[in-house]
Amino acid sequence: MIGKYTVVTLCGSTRFREAFLEAQKRLTLAGNIVISVGLFGHSGDDEVWEGMPEDTRTKTKEMLDDMHKRKIDMADEIYVINVGGYIGASTASEIEYARRAGKRVRYLEG
């Protein structure tokens, strides 16, 4: 199993924290280098946002969205965490970004 590894960036709504963690483990054990989100804004990490001024919150979210695009740039493919088939606007933009860059797109569900 030593050799060239596929780099996979996980994309999807951060409300699916457990699905992200499970996919990260499964894909890693399958011999992939997995890049994930840095924060789970919809299902944890509330301490990051509590008390943050709205203008700072907006700028931080923009930075995190841009960072995730850079993670897609580093990857060979993306793996979409689409629990129940859910794909929000942010994830849809990441899928489109990956496709335009010629990246393979795989999905947790269908």
N, C-alpha and C. Protein backbone atom coordinates (compact mmCIF):
# COMPACT_ATOMS: atom_id res chain seq x y z
N MET A 1 0.81 -1.20 0.00
CA MET A 1 0.00 0.00 0.00
C MET A 1 0.85 1.26 0.00
N ILE A 2 2.15 1.13 -0.08
CA ILE A 2 3.00 2.31 -0.14
C ILE A 2 3.08 2.75 -1.59
N GLY A 3 2.89 4.03 -1.82
CA GLY A 3 2.94 4.50 -3.19
C GLY A 3 2.25 5.82 -3.36
N LYS A 4 1.64 6.00 -4.52
CA LYS A 4 0.92 7.24 -4.81
C LYS A 4 -0.48 7.16 -4.23
N TYR A 5 -0.84 8.19 -3.53
CA TYR A 5 -2.15 8.23 -2.89
C TYR A 5 -3.02 9.28 -3.57
N THR A 6 -4.28 8.96 -3.73
CA THR A 6 -5.25 9.93 -4.23
C THR A 6 -5.58 10.91 -3.11
N VAL A 7 -5.59 12.21 -3.46
CA VAL A 7 -5.95 13.24 -2.49
C VAL A 7 -7.43 13.58 -2.70
N VAL A 8 -8.19 13.46 -1.62
CA VAL A 8 -9.64 13.65 -1.67
C VAL A 8 -10.03 14.78 -0.72
N THR A 9 -10.77 15.75 -1.22
CA THR A 9 -11.32 16.80 -0.37
C THR A 9 -12.79 16.49 -0.11
N LEU A 10 -13.17 16.49 1.16
CA LEU A 10 -14.56 16.28 1.54
C LEU A 10 -15.33 17.58 1.41
N CYS A 11 -16.52 17.51 0.83
CA CYS A 11 -17.39 18.67 0.68
C CYS A 11 -18.78 18.29 1.17
N GLY A 12 -19.51 19.24 1.68
CA GLY A 12 -20.87 18.99 2.13
C GLY A 12 -21.23 19.91 3.27
N SER A 13 -22.48 19.82 3.70
CA SER A 13 -22.94 20.64 4.80
C SER A 13 -22.29 20.19 6.10
N THR A 14 -21.80 21.15 6.88
CA THR A 14 -21.16 20.81 8.14
C THR A 14 -22.16 20.34 9.19
N ARG A 15 -23.46 20.33 8.86
CA ARG A 15 -24.43 19.76 9.78
C ARG A 15 -24.27 18.24 9.87
N PHE A 16 -23.55 17.66 8.90
CA PHE A 16 -23.35 16.22 8.86
C PHE A 16 -21.98 15.82 9.44
N ARG A 17 -21.68 16.34 10.61
CA ARG A 17 -20.39 16.12 11.26
C ARG A 17 -20.01 14.64 11.33
N GLU A 18 -20.91 13.82 11.82
CA GLU A 18 -20.61 12.39 11.99
C GLU A 18 -20.32 11.73 10.65
N ALA A 19 -21.05 12.10 9.62
CA ALA A 19 -20.81 11.54 8.28
C ALA A 19 -19.44 11.97 7.75
N PHE A 20 -19.05 13.22 8.03
CA PHE A 20 -17.71 13.68 7.64
C PHE A 20 -16.64 12.83 8.31
N LEU A 21 -16.77 12.64 9.61
CA LEU A 21 -15.76 11.90 10.36
C LEU A 21 -15.69 10.44 9.90
N GLU A 22 -16.84 9.85 9.65
CA GLU A 22 -16.87 8.45 9.19
C GLU A 22 -16.24 8.33 7.81
N ALA A 23 -16.57 9.25 6.90
CA ALA A 23 -16.00 9.21 5.55
C ALA A 23 -14.50 9.44 5.59
N GLN A 24 -14.06 10.34 6.44
CA GLN A 24 -12.63 10.60 6.57
C GLN A 24 -11.89 9.33 6.98
N LYS A 25 -12.41 8.62 7.97
CA LYS A 25 -11.77 7.37 8.42
C LYS A 25 -11.78 6.32 7.32
N ARG A 26 -12.94 6.12 6.70
CA ARG A 26 -13.09 5.08 5.67
C ARG A 26 -12.19 5.35 4.47
N LEU A 27 -12.18 6.60 4.00
CA LEU A 27 -11.37 6.94 2.84
C LEU A 27 -9.87 6.88 3.16
N THR A 28 -9.50 7.25 4.37
CA THR A 28 -8.09 7.15 4.79
C THR A 28 -7.65 5.70 4.81
N LEU A 29 -8.46 4.83 5.40
CA LEU A 29 -8.11 3.41 5.48
C LEU A 29 -8.10 2.76 4.10
N ALA A 30 -8.78 3.37 3.13
CA ALA A 30 -8.77 2.86 1.75
C ALA A 30 -7.55 3.36 0.98
N GLY A 31 -6.66 4.13 1.66
CA GLY A 31 -5.42 4.56 1.03
C GLY A 31 -5.45 5.92 0.39
N ASN A 32 -6.34 6.79 0.85
CA ASN A 32 -6.43 8.15 0.32
C ASN A 32 -5.88 9.15 1.34
N ILE A 33 -5.38 10.27 0.84
CA ILE A 33 -5.07 11.41 1.70
C ILE A 33 -6.34 12.25 1.70
N VAL A 34 -6.90 12.48 2.88
CA VAL A 34 -8.19 13.15 2.99
C VAL A 34 -8.03 14.55 3.58
N ILE A 35 -8.59 15.53 2.88
CA ILE A 35 -8.63 16.92 3.34
C ILE A 35 -10.08 17.21 3.71
N SER A 36 -10.30 17.74 4.90
CA SER A 36 -11.67 17.98 5.36
C SER A 36 -11.86 19.44 5.73
N VAL A 37 -13.00 19.72 6.32
CA VAL A 37 -13.31 21.07 6.78
C VAL A 37 -12.54 21.35 8.06
N GLY A 38 -12.30 22.61 8.34
CA GLY A 38 -11.60 23.00 9.55
C GLY A 38 -12.52 23.24 10.72
N LEU A 39 -13.78 23.55 10.43
CA LEU A 39 -14.79 23.84 11.46
C LEU A 39 -16.11 23.19 11.07
N PHE A 40 -16.89 22.84 12.08
CA PHE A 40 -18.24 22.35 11.84
C PHE A 40 -19.22 23.41 12.31
N GLY A 41 -19.44 24.39 11.47
CA GLY A 41 -20.25 25.55 11.83
C GLY A 41 -21.71 25.25 12.10
N HIS A 42 -22.26 24.20 11.48
CA HIS A 42 -23.68 23.88 11.66
C HIS A 42 -23.91 22.80 12.71
N SER A 43 -22.85 22.16 13.19
CA SER A 43 -23.05 21.07 14.14
C SER A 43 -21.93 21.03 15.18
N GLY A 44 -21.57 22.18 15.66
CA GLY A 44 -20.52 22.24 16.67
C GLY A 44 -19.65 23.45 16.45
N ASP A 45 -18.61 23.56 17.22
CA ASP A 45 -17.68 24.67 17.14
C ASP A 45 -18.37 26.01 17.40
N ASP A 46 -19.44 25.98 18.20
CA ASP A 46 -20.18 27.20 18.50
C ASP A 46 -19.31 28.26 19.17
N GLU A 47 -18.30 27.80 19.94
CA GLU A 47 -17.44 28.75 20.66
C GLU A 47 -16.69 29.68 19.71
N VAL A 48 -16.51 29.25 18.46
CA VAL A 48 -15.82 30.09 17.48
C VAL A 48 -16.67 31.30 17.13
N TRP A 49 -17.97 31.09 17.03
CA TRP A 49 -18.87 32.13 16.54
C TRP A 49 -19.50 32.98 17.64
N GLU A 50 -19.57 32.44 18.87
CA GLU A 50 -20.23 33.16 19.96
C GLU A 50 -19.52 34.48 20.24
N GLY A 51 -20.27 35.55 20.22
CA GLY A 51 -19.74 36.86 20.53
C GLY A 51 -18.94 37.52 19.41
N MET A 52 -18.83 36.84 18.28
CA MET A 52 -18.08 37.42 17.16
C MET A 52 -18.93 38.49 16.48
N PRO A 53 -18.38 39.69 16.28
CA PRO A 53 -19.15 40.73 15.59
C PRO A 53 -19.58 40.26 14.19
N GLU A 54 -20.73 40.72 13.76
CA GLU A 54 -21.31 40.26 12.49
C GLU A 54 -20.39 40.50 11.30
N ASP A 55 -19.73 41.65 11.25
CA ASP A 55 -18.83 41.91 10.11
C ASP A 55 -17.64 40.96 10.12
N THR A 56 -17.13 40.62 11.29
CA THR A 56 -16.04 39.66 11.39
C THR A 56 -16.53 38.27 11.02
N ARG A 57 -17.73 37.93 11.45
CA ARG A 57 -18.33 36.62 11.13
C ARG A 57 -18.45 36.47 9.61
N THR A 58 -18.94 37.51 8.94
CA THR A 58 -19.09 37.47 7.49
C THR A 58 -17.75 37.29 6.80
N LYS A 59 -16.75 38.05 7.22
CA LYS A 59 -15.41 37.93 6.63
C LYS A 59 -14.79 36.56 6.90
N THR A 60 -15.03 36.03 8.08
CA THR A 60 -14.49 34.71 8.42
C THR A 60 -15.14 33.63 7.56
N LYS A 61 -16.45 33.71 7.37
CA LYS A 61 -17.13 32.73 6.51
C LYS A 61 -16.64 32.82 5.07
N GLU A 62 -16.41 34.03 4.58
CA GLU A 62 -15.87 34.20 3.22
C GLU A 62 -14.48 33.58 3.12
N MET A 63 -13.65 33.79 4.15
CA MET A 63 -12.31 33.21 4.17
C MET A 63 -12.39 31.69 4.17
N LEU A 64 -13.26 31.12 4.99
CA LEU A 64 -13.38 29.66 5.06
C LEU A 64 -13.87 29.08 3.73
N ASP A 65 -14.81 29.76 3.07
CA ASP A 65 -15.28 29.31 1.76
C ASP A 65 -14.14 29.33 0.74
N ASP A 66 -13.35 30.40 0.77
CA ASP A 66 -12.21 30.49 -0.15
C ASP A 66 -11.17 29.42 0.16
N MET A 67 -10.90 29.20 1.44
CA MET A 67 -9.96 28.15 1.83
C MET A 67 -10.40 26.79 1.31
N HIS A 68 -11.70 26.54 1.37
CA HIS A 68 -12.18 25.24 0.92
C HIS A 68 -11.97 25.07 -0.59
N LYS A 69 -12.10 26.14 -1.33
CA LYS A 69 -11.80 26.08 -2.77
C LYS A 69 -10.32 25.76 -2.99
N ARG A 70 -9.45 26.33 -2.14
CA ARG A 70 -8.02 26.01 -2.26
C ARG A 70 -7.77 24.54 -1.93
N LYS A 71 -8.53 23.99 -0.99
CA LYS A 71 -8.42 22.56 -0.67
C LYS A 71 -8.84 21.72 -1.88
N ILE A 72 -9.86 22.17 -2.59
CA ILE A 72 -10.27 21.48 -3.81
C ILE A 72 -9.16 21.56 -4.85
N ASP A 73 -8.50 22.71 -4.95
CA ASP A 73 -7.38 22.86 -5.87
C ASP A 73 -6.29 21.82 -5.60
N MET A 74 -6.03 21.52 -4.34
CA MET A 74 -4.97 20.57 -3.97
C MET A 74 -5.37 19.11 -4.19
N ALA A 75 -6.65 18.85 -4.37
CA ALA A 75 -7.14 17.48 -4.43
C ALA A 75 -7.18 16.93 -5.85
N ASP A 76 -7.17 15.61 -5.93
CA ASP A 76 -7.41 14.91 -7.19
C ASP A 76 -8.90 14.79 -7.46
N GLU A 77 -9.68 14.73 -6.37
CA GLU A 77 -11.13 14.56 -6.49
C GLU A 77 -11.79 15.11 -5.24
N ILE A 78 -13.13 15.26 -5.32
CA ILE A 78 -13.89 15.62 -4.14
C ILE A 78 -14.86 14.48 -3.83
N TYR A 79 -15.21 14.38 -2.56
CA TYR A 79 -16.18 13.40 -2.10
C TYR A 79 -17.26 14.18 -1.37
N VAL A 80 -18.47 14.14 -1.90
CA VAL A 80 -19.57 14.96 -1.40
C VAL A 80 -20.34 14.19 -0.33
N ILE A 81 -20.42 14.77 0.85
CA ILE A 81 -21.20 14.22 1.95
C ILE A 81 -22.62 14.75 1.78
N ASN A 82 -23.45 13.97 1.10
CA ASN A 82 -24.82 14.40 0.76
C ASN A 82 -25.85 13.51 1.45
N VAL A 83 -25.85 13.53 2.77
CA VAL A 83 -26.76 12.72 3.56
C VAL A 83 -28.20 13.02 3.17
N GLY A 84 -28.95 11.97 2.89
CA GLY A 84 -30.34 12.15 2.46
C GLY A 84 -30.46 12.86 1.12
N GLY A 85 -29.37 12.92 0.37
CA GLY A 85 -29.36 13.59 -0.93
C GLY A 85 -29.22 15.10 -0.83
N TYR A 86 -29.04 15.62 0.40
CA TYR A 86 -28.98 17.07 0.58
C TYR A 86 -27.69 17.68 0.04
N ILE A 87 -27.85 18.68 -0.80
CA ILE A 87 -26.73 19.49 -1.30
C ILE A 87 -27.19 20.94 -1.26
N GLY A 88 -26.57 21.71 -0.36
CA GLY A 88 -26.91 23.12 -0.24
C GLY A 88 -26.20 23.97 -1.28
N ALA A 89 -26.46 25.26 -1.25
CA ALA A 89 -25.91 26.18 -2.25
C ALA A 89 -24.38 26.21 -2.20
N SER A 90 -23.80 26.22 -1.01
CA SER A 90 -22.34 26.28 -0.88
C SER A 90 -21.71 25.02 -1.45
N THR A 91 -22.27 23.86 -1.12
CA THR A 91 -21.74 22.60 -1.64
C THR A 91 -21.93 22.52 -3.15
N ALA A 92 -23.07 22.99 -3.64
CA ALA A 92 -23.30 22.99 -5.10
C ALA A 92 -22.24 23.83 -5.81
N SER A 93 -21.87 24.96 -5.20
CA SER A 93 -20.83 25.81 -5.82
C SER A 93 -19.48 25.11 -5.79
N GLU A 94 -19.21 24.33 -4.75
CA GLU A 94 -17.95 23.58 -4.68
C GLU A 94 -17.91 22.47 -5.72
N ILE A 95 -19.04 21.81 -5.93
CA ILE A 95 -19.13 20.76 -6.96
C ILE A 95 -18.86 21.36 -8.33
N GLU A 96 -19.50 22.48 -8.62
CA GLU A 96 -19.30 23.16 -9.90
C GLU A 96 -17.84 23.60 -10.06
N TYR A 97 -17.26 24.13 -9.00
CA TYR A 97 -15.86 24.56 -9.03
C TYR A 97 -14.96 23.36 -9.35
N ALA A 98 -15.20 22.24 -8.68
CA ALA A 98 -14.39 21.04 -8.91
C ALA A 98 -14.54 20.52 -10.34
N ARG A 99 -15.76 20.52 -10.83
CA ARG A 99 -15.99 20.04 -12.21
C ARG A 99 -15.28 20.93 -13.22
N ARG A 100 -15.37 22.25 -13.04
CA ARG A 100 -14.69 23.17 -13.95
C ARG A 100 -13.17 22.95 -13.94
N ALA A 101 -12.66 22.51 -12.77
CA ALA A 101 -11.22 22.27 -12.65
C ALA A 101 -10.84 20.85 -13.11
N GLY A 102 -11.82 20.09 -13.59
CA GLY A 102 -11.54 18.74 -14.09
C GLY A 102 -11.35 17.70 -13.00
N LYS A 103 -11.86 17.97 -11.81
CA LYS A 103 -11.74 17.03 -10.70
C LYS A 103 -12.85 15.98 -10.77
N ARG A 104 -12.54 14.78 -10.37
CA ARG A 104 -13.56 13.73 -10.23
C ARG A 104 -14.44 14.09 -9.05
N VAL A 105 -15.74 13.83 -9.18
CA VAL A 105 -16.69 14.11 -8.11
C VAL A 105 -17.38 12.79 -7.75
N ARG A 106 -17.26 12.41 -6.48
CA ARG A 106 -17.96 11.22 -5.97
C ARG A 106 -18.90 11.65 -4.86
N TYR A 107 -19.91 10.82 -4.61
CA TYR A 107 -20.94 11.15 -3.64
C TYR A 107 -21.09 10.03 -2.61
N LEU A 108 -21.39 10.42 -1.37
CA LEU A 108 -21.71 9.46 -0.34
C LEU A 108 -22.97 8.68 -0.73
N GLU A 109 -23.98 9.41 -1.19
CA GLU A 109 -25.25 8.80 -1.59
C GLU A 109 -25.53 9.11 -3.05
N GLY A 110 -25.77 8.04 -3.80
CA GLY A 110 -26.19 8.09 -5.18
C GLY A 110 -25.53 9.01 -6.07
